[in-house]
């Protein structure tokens, strides 16, 4: 049930962009490598964290955090800023749940809105 609610929230939020001005969505990626070395300079522990940021044309954003340990990459957590509902959600992909964190008191950044209006 929780996984259905999570994906329903994500899908509805991203579908809102289809009803509004078509602006190229933003997708950004981040990669952080963390190596622990011994006194001889050999790698004792290696981990990588990846982030993915997506924004739809309505200004709602989703941030996903992936991590890689021992060669296995898995999505762990994320955050959804749903401007159509003015809600902030914490996403836990391991438990497949979205937990409401509170209300958004602001909208998308004004520069983004200005660019979306001029792109129509």
PDB file of N, CA and C in Angstrom:
ATOM      1  N   UNK A   1       0.819  -1.200   0.000  1.00  0.00           N
ATOM      2  CA  UNK A   1       0.000   0.000   0.000  1.00  0.00           C
ATOM      3  C   UNK A   1       0.858   1.257   0.000  1.00  0.00           C
ATOM      4  N   UNK A   2       1.945   1.223   0.817  1.00  0.00           N
ATOM      5  CA  UNK A   2       2.820   2.394   0.885  1.00  0.00           C
ATOM      6  C   UNK A   2       3.497   2.656  -0.445  1.00  0.00           C
ATOM      7  N   UNK A   3       3.911   1.565  -1.132  1.00  0.00           N
ATOM      8  CA  UNK A   3       4.590   1.759  -2.417  1.00  0.00           C
ATOM      9  C   UNK A   3       3.638   2.334  -3.455  1.00  0.00           C
ATOM     10  N   UNK A   4       2.382   1.932  -3.409  1.00  0.00           N
ATOM     11  CA  UNK A   4       1.400   2.469  -4.351  1.00  0.00           C
ATOM     12  C   UNK A   4       1.201   3.958  -4.092  1.00  0.00           C
ATOM     13  N   UNK A   5       1.102   4.334  -2.808  1.00  0.00           N
ATOM     14  CA  UNK A   5       0.928   5.748  -2.468  1.00  0.00           C
ATOM     15  C   UNK A   5       2.134   6.570  -2.906  1.00  0.00           C
ATOM     16  N   UNK A   6       3.343   6.028  -2.702  1.00  0.00           N
ATOM     17  CA  UNK A   6       4.568   6.733  -3.100  1.00  0.00           C
ATOM     18  C   UNK A   6       4.571   7.001  -4.598  1.00  0.00           C
ATOM     19  N   UNK A   7       4.343   5.969  -5.381  1.00  0.00           N
ATOM     20  CA  UNK A   7       4.406   6.141  -6.832  1.00  0.00           C
ATOM     21  C   UNK A   7       3.236   6.965  -7.346  1.00  0.00           C
ATOM     22  N   UNK A   8       2.095   6.892  -6.702  1.00  0.00           N
ATOM     23  CA  UNK A   8       0.967   7.719  -7.099  1.00  0.00           C
ATOM     24  C   UNK A   8       1.291   9.193  -6.900  1.00  0.00           C
ATOM     25  N   UNK A   9       1.898   9.536  -5.772  1.00  0.00           N
ATOM     26  CA  UNK A   9       2.286  10.928  -5.517  1.00  0.00           C
ATOM     27  C   UNK A   9       3.280  11.397  -6.561  1.00  0.00           C
ATOM     28  N   UNK A  10       4.297  10.569  -6.831  1.00  0.00           N
ATOM     29  CA  UNK A  10       5.322  10.951  -7.805  1.00  0.00           C
ATOM     30  C   UNK A  10       4.715  11.095  -9.194  1.00  0.00           C
ATOM     31  N   UNK A  11       3.899  10.150  -9.607  1.00  0.00           N
ATOM     32  CA  UNK A  11       3.316  10.203 -10.949  1.00  0.00           C
ATOM     33  C   UNK A  11       2.365  11.384 -11.124  1.00  0.00           C
ATOM     34  N   UNK A  12       1.536  11.639 -10.134  1.00  0.00           N
ATOM     35  CA  UNK A  12       0.600  12.762 -10.234  1.00  0.00           C
ATOM     36  C   UNK A  12       1.357  14.078 -10.301  1.00  0.00           C
ATOM     37  N   UNK A  13       2.388  14.193  -9.474  1.00  0.00           N
ATOM     38  CA  UNK A  13       3.174  15.429  -9.470  1.00  0.00           C
ATOM     39  C   UNK A  13       3.846  15.657 -10.817  1.00  0.00           C
ATOM     40  N   UNK A  14       4.446  14.635 -11.359  1.00  0.00           N
ATOM     41  CA  UNK A  14       5.129  14.785 -12.635  1.00  0.00           C
ATOM     42  C   UNK A  14       4.135  14.946 -13.791  1.00  0.00           C
ATOM     43  N   UNK A  15       2.926  14.385 -13.667  1.00  0.00           N
ATOM     44  CA  UNK A  15       1.922  14.519 -14.720  1.00  0.00           C
ATOM     45  C   UNK A  15       1.363  15.927 -14.796  1.00  0.00           C
ATOM     46  N   UNK A  16       1.454  16.685 -13.706  1.00  0.00           N
ATOM     47  CA  UNK A  16       0.969  18.066 -13.707  1.00  0.00           C
ATOM     48  C   UNK A  16       1.667  18.870 -14.797  1.00  0.00           C
ATOM     49  N   UNK A  17       2.914  18.527 -15.078  1.00  0.00           N
ATOM     50  CA  UNK A  17       3.664  19.275 -16.082  1.00  0.00           C
ATOM     51  C   UNK A  17       3.051  19.139 -17.475  1.00  0.00           C
ATOM     52  N   UNK A  18       2.332  18.057 -17.735  1.00  0.00           N
ATOM     53  CA  UNK A  18       1.726  17.867 -19.043  1.00  0.00           C
ATOM     54  C   UNK A  18       0.571  18.835 -19.288  1.00  0.00           C
ATOM     55  N   UNK A  19      -0.021  19.345 -18.216  1.00  0.00           N
ATOM     56  CA  UNK A  19      -1.164  20.244 -18.330  1.00  0.00           C
ATOM     57  C   UNK A  19      -0.755  21.713 -18.379  1.00  0.00           C
ATOM     58  N   UNK A  20       0.508  21.984 -18.211  1.00  0.00           N
ATOM     59  CA  UNK A  20       0.969  23.371 -18.159  1.00  0.00           C
ATOM     60  C   UNK A  20       1.923  23.629 -19.319  1.00  0.00           C
ATOM     61  N   UNK A  21       2.557  24.787 -19.303  1.00  0.00           N
ATOM     62  CA  UNK A  21       3.495  25.147 -20.375  1.00  0.00           C
ATOM     63  C   UNK A  21       4.593  24.100 -20.481  1.00  0.00           C
ATOM     64  N   UNK A  22       4.949  23.764 -21.684  1.00  0.00           N
ATOM     65  CA  UNK A  22       5.992  22.772 -21.884  1.00  0.00           C
ATOM     66  C   UNK A  22       7.356  23.448 -21.852  1.00  0.00           C
ATOM     67  N   UNK A  23       8.043  23.222 -20.760  1.00  0.00           N
ATOM     68  CA  UNK A  23       9.383  23.749 -20.563  1.00  0.00           C
ATOM     69  C   UNK A  23      10.291  22.550 -20.387  1.00  0.00           C
ATOM     70  N   UNK A  24      11.479  22.614 -20.924  1.00  0.00           N
ATOM     71  CA  UNK A  24      12.400  21.499 -20.786  1.00  0.00           C
ATOM     72  C   UNK A  24      12.674  21.226 -19.316  1.00  0.00           C
ATOM     73  N   UNK A  25      12.389  20.007 -18.836  1.00  0.00           N
ATOM     74  CA  UNK A  25      12.666  19.685 -17.437  1.00  0.00           C
ATOM     75  C   UNK A  25      14.168  19.708 -17.173  1.00  0.00           C
ATOM     76  N   UNK A  26      14.501  19.876 -15.924  1.00  0.00           N
ATOM     77  CA  UNK A  26      15.902  19.893 -15.522  1.00  0.00           C
ATOM     78  C   UNK A  26      16.247  18.546 -14.904  1.00  0.00           C
ATOM     79  N   UNK A  27      17.367  17.986 -15.334  1.00  0.00           N
ATOM     80  CA  UNK A  27      17.893  16.768 -14.735  1.00  0.00           C
ATOM     81  C   UNK A  27      19.362  17.023 -14.451  1.00  0.00           C
ATOM     82  N   UNK A  28      19.763  16.827 -13.213  1.00  0.00           N
ATOM     83  CA  UNK A  28      21.164  17.020 -12.841  1.00  0.00           C
ATOM     84  C   UNK A  28      21.632  15.802 -12.060  1.00  0.00           C
ATOM     85  N   UNK A  29      22.914  15.497 -12.163  1.00  0.00           N
ATOM     86  CA  UNK A  29      23.480  14.352 -11.444  1.00  0.00           C
ATOM     87  C   UNK A  29      24.686  14.794 -10.629  1.00  0.00           C
ATOM     88  N   UNK A  30      24.907  14.081  -9.527  1.00  0.00           N
ATOM     89  CA  UNK A  30      26.041  14.354  -8.652  1.00  0.00           C
ATOM     90  C   UNK A  30      26.654  13.012  -8.266  1.00  0.00           C
ATOM     91  N   UNK A  31      27.980  12.982  -8.124  1.00  0.00           N
ATOM     92  CA  UNK A  31      28.676  11.759  -7.725  1.00  0.00           C
ATOM     93  C   UNK A  31      29.721  12.108  -6.681  1.00  0.00           C
ATOM     94  N   UNK A  32      29.686  11.409  -5.544  1.00  0.00           N
ATOM     95  CA  UNK A  32      30.661  11.605  -4.476  1.00  0.00           C
ATOM     96  C   UNK A  32      31.345  10.268  -4.226  1.00  0.00           C
ATOM     97  N   UNK A  33      32.670  10.253  -4.306  1.00  0.00           N
ATOM     98  CA  UNK A  33      33.450   9.048  -4.063  1.00  0.00           C
ATOM     99  C   UNK A  33      34.151   9.196  -2.719  1.00  0.00           C
ATOM    100  N   UNK A  34      34.048   8.155  -1.875  1.00  0.00           N
ATOM    101  CA  UNK A  34      34.672   8.172  -0.559  1.00  0.00           C
ATOM    102  C   UNK A  34      35.557   6.928  -0.443  1.00  0.00           C
ATOM    103  N   UNK A  35      36.888   7.134  -0.401  1.00  0.00           N
ATOM    104  CA  UNK A  35      37.845   6.042  -0.231  1.00  0.00           C
ATOM    105  C   UNK A  35      38.573   6.217   1.086  1.00  0.00           C
ATOM    106  N   UNK A  36      38.724   5.122   1.813  1.00  0.00           N
ATOM    107  CA  UNK A  36      39.519   5.107   3.038  1.00  0.00           C
ATOM    108  C   UNK A  36      40.792   4.355   2.714  1.00  0.00           C
ATOM    109  N   UNK A  37      41.947   5.000   2.974  1.00  0.00           N
ATOM    110  CA  UNK A  37      43.249   4.422   2.653  1.00  0.00           C
ATOM    111  C   UNK A  37      43.982   4.003   3.921  1.00  0.00           C
ATOM    112  N   UNK A  38      44.792   2.946   3.791  1.00  0.00           N
ATOM    113  CA  UNK A  38      45.658   2.578   4.910  1.00  0.00           C
ATOM    114  C   UNK A  38      46.965   3.355   4.809  1.00  0.00           C
ATOM    115  N   UNK A  39      47.905   3.080   5.703  1.00  0.00           N
ATOM    116  CA  UNK A  39      49.161   3.848   5.748  1.00  0.00           C
ATOM    117  C   UNK A  39      50.027   3.672   4.504  1.00  0.00           C
ATOM    118  N   UNK A  40      49.821   2.583   3.745  1.00  0.00           N
ATOM    119  CA  UNK A  40      50.574   2.371   2.496  1.00  0.00           C
ATOM    120  C   UNK A  40      49.859   2.948   1.271  1.00  0.00           C
ATOM    121  N   UNK A  41      48.708   3.526   1.476  1.00  0.00           N
ATOM    122  CA  UNK A  41      47.965   4.123   0.370  1.00  0.00           C
ATOM    123  C   UNK A  41      47.023   3.168  -0.333  1.00  0.00           C
ATOM    124  N   UNK A  42      46.824   1.987   0.230  1.00  0.00           N
ATOM    125  CA  UNK A  42      45.897   1.017  -0.355  1.00  0.00           C
ATOM    126  C   UNK A  42      44.463   1.348   0.074  1.00  0.00           C
ATOM    127  N   UNK A  43      43.523   1.138  -0.839  1.00  0.00           N
ATOM    128  CA  UNK A  43      42.121   1.404  -0.544  1.00  0.00           C
ATOM    129  C   UNK A  43      41.587   0.307   0.385  1.00  0.00           C
ATOM    130  N   UNK A  44      41.140   0.716   1.566  1.00  0.00           N
ATOM    131  CA  UNK A  44      40.571  -0.208   2.542  1.00  0.00           C
ATOM    132  C   UNK A  44      39.055  -0.292   2.379  1.00  0.00           C
ATOM    133  N   UNK A  45      38.437   0.834   2.088  1.00  0.00           N
ATOM    134  CA  UNK A  45      36.987   0.904   1.926  1.00  0.00           C
ATOM    135  C   UNK A  45      36.666   1.890   0.812  1.00  0.00           C
ATOM    136  N   UNK A  46      35.712   1.517  -0.020  1.00  0.00           N
ATOM    137  CA  UNK A  46      35.315   2.361  -1.142  1.00  0.00           C
ATOM    138  C   UNK A  46      33.795   2.440  -1.171  1.00  0.00           C
ATOM    139  N   UNK A  47      33.250   3.656  -1.230  1.00  0.00           N
ATOM    140  CA  UNK A  47      31.810   3.826  -1.392  1.00  0.00           C
ATOM    141  C   UNK A  47      31.559   5.026  -2.295  1.00  0.00           C
ATOM    142  N   UNK A  48      30.441   4.972  -2.977  1.00  0.00           N
ATOM    143  CA  UNK A  48      30.040   6.064  -3.862  1.00  0.00           C
ATOM    144  C   UNK A  48      28.598   6.431  -3.567  1.00  0.00           C
ATOM    145  N   UNK A  49      28.317   7.717  -3.612  1.00  0.00           N
ATOM    146  CA  UNK A  49      26.961   8.214  -3.444  1.00  0.00           C
ATOM    147  C   UNK A  49      26.607   9.019  -4.682  1.00  0.00           C
ATOM    148  N   UNK A  50      25.448   8.729  -5.215  1.00  0.00           N
ATOM    149  CA  UNK A  50      24.984   9.409  -6.420  1.00  0.00           C
ATOM    150  C   UNK A  50      23.703  10.157  -6.091  1.00  0.00           C
ATOM    151  N   UNK A  51      23.538  11.293  -6.694  1.00  0.00           N
ATOM    152  CA  UNK A  51      22.306  12.046  -6.525  1.00  0.00           C
ATOM    153  C   UNK A  51      21.731  12.400  -7.877  1.00  0.00           C
ATOM    154  N   UNK A  52      20.431  12.435  -7.956  1.00  0.00           N
ATOM    155  CA  UNK A  52      19.742  12.807  -9.181  1.00  0.00           C
ATOM    156  C   UNK A  52      18.666  13.812  -8.807  1.00  0.00           C
ATOM    157  N   UNK A  53      18.627  14.921  -9.520  1.00  0.00           N
ATOM    158  CA  UNK A  53      17.682  16.003  -9.267  1.00  0.00           C
ATOM    159  C   UNK A  53      16.836  16.174 -10.518  1.00  0.00           C
ATOM    160  N   UNK A  54      15.524  16.141 -10.367  1.00  0.00           N
ATOM    161  CA  UNK A  54      14.626  16.313 -11.493  1.00  0.00           C
ATOM    162  C   UNK A  54      13.603  17.396 -11.160  1.00  0.00           C
ATOM    163  N   UNK A  55      13.317  18.255 -12.131  1.00  0.00           N
ATOM    164  CA  UNK A  55      12.310  19.299 -11.947  1.00  0.00           C
ATOM    165  C   UNK A  55      11.386  19.289 -13.152  1.00  0.00           C
ATOM    166  N   UNK A  56      10.078  19.289 -12.899  1.00  0.00           N
ATOM    167  CA  UNK A  56       9.133  19.316 -14.012  1.00  0.00           C
ATOM    168  C   UNK A  56       8.783  20.759 -14.368  1.00  0.00           C
ATOM    169  N   UNK A  57       7.951  20.936 -15.373  1.00  0.00           N
ATOM    170  CA  UNK A  57       7.651  22.283 -15.836  1.00  0.00           C
ATOM    171  C   UNK A  57       6.776  23.074 -14.868  1.00  0.00           C
ATOM    172  N   UNK A  58       6.176  22.403 -13.882  1.00  0.00           N
ATOM    173  CA  UNK A  58       5.397  23.111 -12.861  1.00  0.00           C
ATOM    174  C   UNK A  58       6.282  23.595 -11.720  1.00  0.00           C
ATOM    175  N   UNK A  59       7.560  23.209 -11.748  1.00  0.00           N
ATOM    176  CA  UNK A  59       8.494  23.634 -10.712  1.00  0.00           C
ATOM    177  C   UNK A  59       8.668  22.633  -9.597  1.00  0.00           C
ATOM    178  N   UNK A  60       7.860  21.561  -9.557  1.00  0.00           N
ATOM    179  CA  UNK A  60       8.026  20.537  -8.527  1.00  0.00           C
ATOM    180  C   UNK A  60       9.335  19.794  -8.758  1.00  0.00           C
ATOM    181  N   UNK A  61       9.998  19.440  -7.659  1.00  0.00           N
ATOM    182  CA  UNK A  61      11.300  18.782  -7.766  1.00  0.00           C
ATOM    183  C   UNK A  61      11.307  17.471  -6.987  1.00  0.00           C
ATOM    184  N   UNK A  62      12.125  16.556  -7.478  1.00  0.00           N
ATOM    185  CA  UNK A  62      12.375  15.311  -6.762  1.00  0.00           C
ATOM    186  C   UNK A  62      13.884  15.101  -6.760  1.00  0.00           C
ATOM    187  N   UNK A  63      14.412  14.789  -5.596  1.00  0.00           N
ATOM    188  CA  UNK A  63      15.833  14.501  -5.445  1.00  0.00           C
ATOM    189  C   UNK A  63      15.955  13.051  -5.004  1.00  0.00           C
ATOM    190  N   UNK A  64      16.765  12.270  -5.709  1.00  0.00           N
ATOM    191  CA  UNK A  64      16.956  10.861  -5.376  1.00  0.00           C
ATOM    192  C   UNK A  64      18.415  10.635  -5.008  1.00  0.00           C
ATOM    193  N   UNK A  65      18.641   9.892  -3.924  1.00  0.00           N
ATOM    194  CA  UNK A  65      19.994   9.591  -3.471  1.00  0.00           C
ATOM    195  C   UNK A  65      20.249   8.096  -3.646  1.00  0.00           C
ATOM    196  N   UNK A  66      21.306   7.768  -4.397  1.00  0.00           N
ATOM    197  CA  UNK A  66      21.733   6.394  -4.614  1.00  0.00           C
ATOM    198  C   UNK A  66      23.053   6.208  -3.890  1.00  0.00           C
ATOM    199  N   UNK A  67      23.356   4.983  -3.526  1.00  0.00           N
ATOM    200  CA  UNK A  67      24.684   4.714  -2.986  1.00  0.00           C
ATOM    201  C   UNK A  67      25.163   3.379  -3.521  1.00  0.00           C
ATOM    202  N   UNK A  68      26.481   3.243  -3.574  1.00  0.00           N
ATOM    203  CA  UNK A  68      27.104   2.028  -4.077  1.00  0.00           C
ATOM    204  C   UNK A  68      28.125   1.561  -3.058  1.00  0.00           C
ATOM    205  N   UNK A  69      27.907   0.376  -2.545  1.00  0.00           N
ATOM    206  CA  UNK A  69      28.845  -0.231  -1.608  1.00  0.00           C
ATOM    207  C   UNK A  69      29.108  -1.643  -2.096  1.00  0.00           C
ATOM    208  N   UNK A  70      30.382  -1.980  -2.248  1.00  0.00           N
ATOM    209  CA  UNK A  70      30.725  -3.323  -2.706  1.00  0.00           C
ATOM    210  C   UNK A  70      30.248  -3.616  -4.114  1.00  0.00           C
ATOM    211  N   UNK A  71      30.148  -2.589  -4.946  1.00  0.00           N
ATOM    212  CA  UNK A  71      29.746  -2.773  -6.333  1.00  0.00           C
ATOM    213  C   UNK A  71      28.246  -2.811  -6.569  1.00  0.00           C
ATOM    214  N   UNK A  72      27.449  -2.767  -5.504  1.00  0.00           N
ATOM    215  CA  UNK A  72      25.991  -2.776  -5.647  1.00  0.00           C
ATOM    216  C   UNK A  72      25.453  -1.358  -5.488  1.00  0.00           C
ATOM    217  N   UNK A  73      24.712  -0.908  -6.483  1.00  0.00           N
ATOM    218  CA  UNK A  73      24.106   0.417  -6.433  1.00  0.00           C
ATOM    219  C   UNK A  73      22.614   0.270  -6.158  1.00  0.00           C
ATOM    220  N   UNK A  74      22.122   1.056  -5.221  1.00  0.00           N
ATOM    221  CA  UNK A  74      20.698   1.004  -4.891  1.00  0.00           C
ATOM    222  C   UNK A  74      20.221   2.400  -4.510  1.00  0.00           C
ATOM    223  N   UNK A  75      18.984   2.691  -4.883  1.00  0.00           N
ATOM    224  CA  UNK A  75      18.398   3.964  -4.490  1.00  0.00           C
ATOM    225  C   UNK A  75      17.995   3.841  -3.022  1.00  0.00           C
ATOM    226  N   UNK A  76      18.299   4.865  -2.250  1.00  0.00           N
ATOM    227  CA  UNK A  76      18.063   4.800  -0.806  1.00  0.00           C
ATOM    228  C   UNK A  76      16.954   5.751  -0.355  1.00  0.00           C
ATOM    229  N   UNK A  77      17.108   7.021  -0.683  1.00  0.00           N
ATOM    230  CA  UNK A  77      16.179   8.016  -0.148  1.00  0.00           C
ATOM    231  C   UNK A  77      15.994   9.136  -1.154  1.00  0.00           C
ATOM    232  N   UNK A  78      15.147  10.074  -0.790  1.00  0.00           N
ATOM    233  CA  UNK A  78      14.912  11.209  -1.666  1.00  0.00           C
ATOM    234  C   UNK A  78      14.000  12.212  -1.006  1.00  0.00           C
ATOM    235  N   UNK A  79      13.683  13.238  -1.774  1.00  0.00           N
ATOM    236  CA  UNK A  79      12.807  14.298  -1.287  1.00  0.00           C
ATOM    237  C   UNK A  79      11.964  14.785  -2.445  1.00  0.00           C
ATOM    238  N   UNK A  80      10.694  15.028  -2.190  1.00  0.00           N
ATOM    239  CA  UNK A  80       9.774  15.545  -3.197  1.00  0.00           C
ATOM    240  C   UNK A  80       9.205  16.861  -2.709  1.00  0.00           C
ATOM    241  N   UNK A  81       9.396  17.912  -3.492  1.00  0.00           N
ATOM    242  CA  UNK A  81       8.766  19.206  -3.239  1.00  0.00           C
ATOM    243  C   UNK A  81       7.630  19.335  -4.244  1.00  0.00           C
ATOM    244  N   UNK A  82       6.419  19.115  -3.777  1.00  0.00           N
ATOM    245  CA  UNK A  82       5.229  19.107  -4.628  1.00  0.00           C
ATOM    246  C   UNK A  82       4.560  20.472  -4.550  1.00  0.00           C
ATOM    247  N   UNK A  83       4.861  21.337  -5.517  1.00  0.00           N
ATOM    248  CA  UNK A  83       4.320  22.696  -5.490  1.00  0.00           C
ATOM    249  C   UNK A  83       2.845  22.747  -5.877  1.00  0.00           C
ATOM    250  N   UNK A  84       2.330  21.731  -6.551  1.00  0.00           N
ATOM    251  CA  UNK A  84       0.905  21.728  -6.883  1.00  0.00           C
ATOM    252  C   UNK A  84       0.050  21.516  -5.624  1.00  0.00           C
ATOM    253  N   UNK A  85       0.590  20.825  -4.640  1.00  0.00           N
ATOM    254  CA  UNK A  85      -0.117  20.608  -3.365  1.00  0.00           C
ATOM    255  C   UNK A  85       0.503  21.387  -2.210  1.00  0.00           C
ATOM    256  N   UNK A  86       1.617  22.071  -2.478  1.00  0.00           N
ATOM    257  CA  UNK A  86       2.354  22.824  -1.439  1.00  0.00           C
ATOM    258  C   UNK A  86       2.781  21.917  -0.290  1.00  0.00           C
ATOM    259  N   UNK A  87       3.310  20.723  -0.619  1.00  0.00           N
ATOM    260  CA  UNK A  87       3.729  19.744   0.385  1.00  0.00           C
ATOM    261  C   UNK A  87       5.170  19.305   0.134  1.00  0.00           C
ATOM    262  N   UNK A  88       5.845  18.969   1.230  1.00  0.00           N
ATOM    263  CA  UNK A  88       7.202  18.428   1.185  1.00  0.00           C
ATOM    264  C   UNK A  88       7.146  17.002   1.710  1.00  0.00           C
ATOM    265  N   UNK A  89       7.725  16.061   0.951  1.00  0.00           N
ATOM    266  CA  UNK A  89       7.721  14.657   1.335  1.00  0.00           C
ATOM    267  C   UNK A  89       9.152  14.132   1.426  1.00  0.00           C
ATOM    268  N   UNK A  90       9.415  13.287   2.426  1.00  0.00           N
ATOM    269  CA  UNK A  90      10.661  12.530   2.511  1.00  0.00           C
ATOM    270  C   UNK A  90      10.370  11.165   1.899  1.00  0.00           C
ATOM    271  N   UNK A  91      11.218  10.730   0.979  1.00  0.00           N
ATOM    272  CA  UNK A  91      11.016   9.460   0.287  1.00  0.00           C
ATOM    273  C   UNK A  91      12.012   8.437   0.810  1.00  0.00           C
ATOM    274  N   UNK A  92      11.524   7.272   1.178  1.00  0.00           N
ATOM    275  CA  UNK A  92      12.377   6.176   1.614  1.00  0.00           C
ATOM    276  C   UNK A  92      12.113   5.015   0.664  1.00  0.00           C
ATOM    277  N   UNK A  93      13.046   4.792  -0.253  1.00  0.00           N
ATOM    278  CA  UNK A  93      12.852   3.772  -1.268  1.00  0.00           C
ATOM    279  C   UNK A  93      13.048   2.372  -0.710  1.00  0.00           C
ATOM    280  N   UNK A  94      13.844   2.217   0.344  1.00  0.00           N
ATOM    281  CA  UNK A  94      14.046   0.900   0.942  1.00  0.00           C
ATOM    282  C   UNK A  94      12.749   0.397   1.587  1.00  0.00           C
ATOM    283  N   UNK A  95      12.001   1.286   2.231  1.00  0.00           N
ATOM    284  CA  UNK A  95      10.721   0.919   2.846  1.00  0.00           C
ATOM    285  C   UNK A  95       9.546   1.226   1.929  1.00  0.00           C
ATOM    286  N   UNK A  96       9.812   1.823   0.787  1.00  0.00           N
ATOM    287  CA  UNK A  96       8.804   2.191  -0.210  1.00  0.00           C
ATOM    288  C   UNK A  96       7.702   3.045   0.405  1.00  0.00           C
ATOM    289  N   UNK A  97       8.119   4.171   0.985  1.00  0.00           N
ATOM    290  CA  UNK A  97       7.140   5.061   1.591  1.00  0.00           C
ATOM    291  C   UNK A  97       7.499   6.522   1.357  1.00  0.00           C
ATOM    292  N   UNK A  98       6.459   7.333   1.356  1.00  0.00           N
ATOM    293  CA  UNK A  98       6.595   8.782   1.288  1.00  0.00           C
ATOM    294  C   UNK A  98       5.969   9.343   2.558  1.00  0.00           C
ATOM    295  N   UNK A  99       6.757  10.095   3.315  1.00  0.00           N
ATOM    296  CA  UNK A  99       6.272  10.652   4.573  1.00  0.00           C
ATOM    297  C   UNK A  99       6.185  12.160   4.420  1.00  0.00           C
ATOM    298  N   UNK A 100       4.997  12.700   4.655  1.00  0.00           N
ATOM    299  CA  UNK A 100       4.822  14.142   4.552  1.00  0.00           C
ATOM    300  C   UNK A 100       5.630  14.829   5.643  1.00  0.00           C
ATOM    301  N   UNK A 101       6.449  15.801   5.252  1.00  0.00           N
ATOM    302  CA  UNK A 101       7.307  16.515   6.184  1.00  0.00           C
ATOM    303  C   UNK A 101       6.737  17.868   6.589  1.00  0.00           C
ATOM    304  N   UNK A 102       5.806  18.371   5.810  1.00  0.00           N
ATOM    305  CA  UNK A 102       5.214  19.659   6.141  1.00  0.00           C
ATOM    306  C   UNK A 102       4.723  20.379   4.907  1.00  0.00           C
ATOM    307  N   UNK A 103       4.306  21.604   5.112  1.00  0.00           N
ATOM    308  CA  UNK A 103       3.801  22.438   4.031  1.00  0.00           C
ATOM    309  C   UNK A 103       4.923  23.299   3.466  1.00  0.00           C
ATOM    310  N   UNK A 104       4.875  23.527   2.168  1.00  0.00           N
ATOM    311  CA  UNK A 104       5.808  24.450   1.538  1.00  0.00           C
ATOM    312  C   UNK A 104       5.205  25.849   1.642  1.00  0.00           C
ATOM    313  N   UNK A 105       5.949  26.759   2.190  1.00  0.00           N
ATOM    314  CA  UNK A 105       5.440  28.121   2.355  1.00  0.00           C
ATOM    315  C   UNK A 105       5.810  29.007   1.182  1.00  0.00           C
ATOM    316  N   UNK A 106       6.572  28.490   0.274  1.00  0.00           N
ATOM    317  CA  UNK A 106       7.012  29.260  -0.896  1.00  0.00           C
ATOM    318  C   UNK A 106       6.757  28.430  -2.149  1.00  0.00           C
ATOM    319  N   UNK A 107       6.806  29.063  -3.279  1.00  0.00           N
ATOM    320  CA  UNK A 107       6.656  28.375  -4.550  1.00  0.00           C
ATOM    321  C   UNK A 107       8.010  28.160  -5.188  1.00  0.00           C
ATOM    322  N   UNK A 108       8.018  27.730  -6.433  1.00  0.00           N
ATOM    323  CA  UNK A 108       9.291  27.613  -7.139  1.00  0.00           C
ATOM    324  C   UNK A 108      10.004  28.966  -7.190  1.00  0.00           C
ATOM    325  N   UNK A 109      11.297  28.942  -7.397  1.00  0.00           N
ATOM    326  CA  UNK A 109      12.092  30.167  -7.446  1.00  0.00           C
ATOM    327  C   UNK A 109      11.515  31.115  -8.497  1.00  0.00           C
ATOM    328  N   UNK A 110      11.403  32.424  -8.196  1.00  0.00           N
ATOM    329  CA  UNK A 110      10.809  33.395  -9.136  1.00  0.00           C
ATOM    330  C   UNK A 110      11.474  33.416 -10.509  1.00  0.00           C
ATOM    331  N   UNK A 111      12.784  33.207 -10.573  1.00  0.00           N
ATOM    332  CA  UNK A 111      13.466  33.183 -11.874  1.00  0.00           C
ATOM    333  C   UNK A 111      12.974  32.015 -12.716  1.00  0.00           C
ATOM    334  N   UNK A 112      12.717  30.881 -12.068  1.00  0.00           N
ATOM    335  CA  UNK A 112      12.203  29.729 -12.803  1.00  0.00           C
ATOM    336  C   UNK A 112      10.830  30.034 -13.381  1.00  0.00           C
ATOM    337  N   UNK A 113       9.961  30.633 -12.566  1.00  0.00           N
ATOM    338  CA  UNK A 113       8.622  30.974 -13.048  1.00  0.00           C
ATOM    339  C   UNK A 113       8.666  31.965 -14.192  1.00  0.00           C
ATOM    340  N   UNK A 114       9.562  32.951 -14.117  1.00  0.00           N
ATOM    341  CA  UNK A 114       9.687  33.942 -15.193  1.00  0.00           C
ATOM    342  C   UNK A 114      10.129  33.252 -16.484  1.00  0.00           C
ATOM    343  N   UNK A 115      11.082  32.327 -16.391  1.00  0.00           N
ATOM    344  CA  UNK A 115      11.553  31.603 -17.575  1.00  0.00           C
ATOM    345  C   UNK A 115      10.472  30.701 -18.138  1.00  0.00           C
ATOM    346  N   UNK A 116       9.659  30.093 -17.276  1.00  0.00           N
ATOM    347  CA  UNK A 116       8.586  29.210 -17.746  1.00  0.00           C
ATOM    348  C   UNK A 116       7.523  30.020 -18.492  1.00  0.00           C
ATOM    349  N   UNK A 117       7.235  31.234 -18.013  1.00  0.00           N
ATOM    350  CA  UNK A 117       6.217  32.052 -18.680  1.00  0.00           C
ATOM    351  C   UNK A 117       6.693  32.551 -20.031  1.00  0.00           C
ATOM    352  N   UNK A 118       7.975  32.885 -20.151  1.00  0.00           N
ATOM    353  CA  UNK A 118       8.488  33.387 -21.428  1.00  0.00           C
ATOM    354  C   UNK A 118       8.686  32.272 -22.434  1.00  0.00           C
ATOM    355  N   UNK A 119       8.721  31.023 -21.970  1.00  0.00           N
ATOM    356  CA  UNK A 119       8.947  29.906 -22.894  1.00  0.00           C
ATOM    357  C   UNK A 119       7.660  29.435 -23.565  1.00  0.00           C
ATOM    358  N   UNK A 120       6.531  29.957 -23.173  1.00  0.00           N
ATOM    359  CA  UNK A 120       5.246  29.505 -23.744  1.00  0.00           C
ATOM    360  C   UNK A 120       5.096  29.848 -25.175  1.00  0.00           C
TER     361      UNK A 120
END
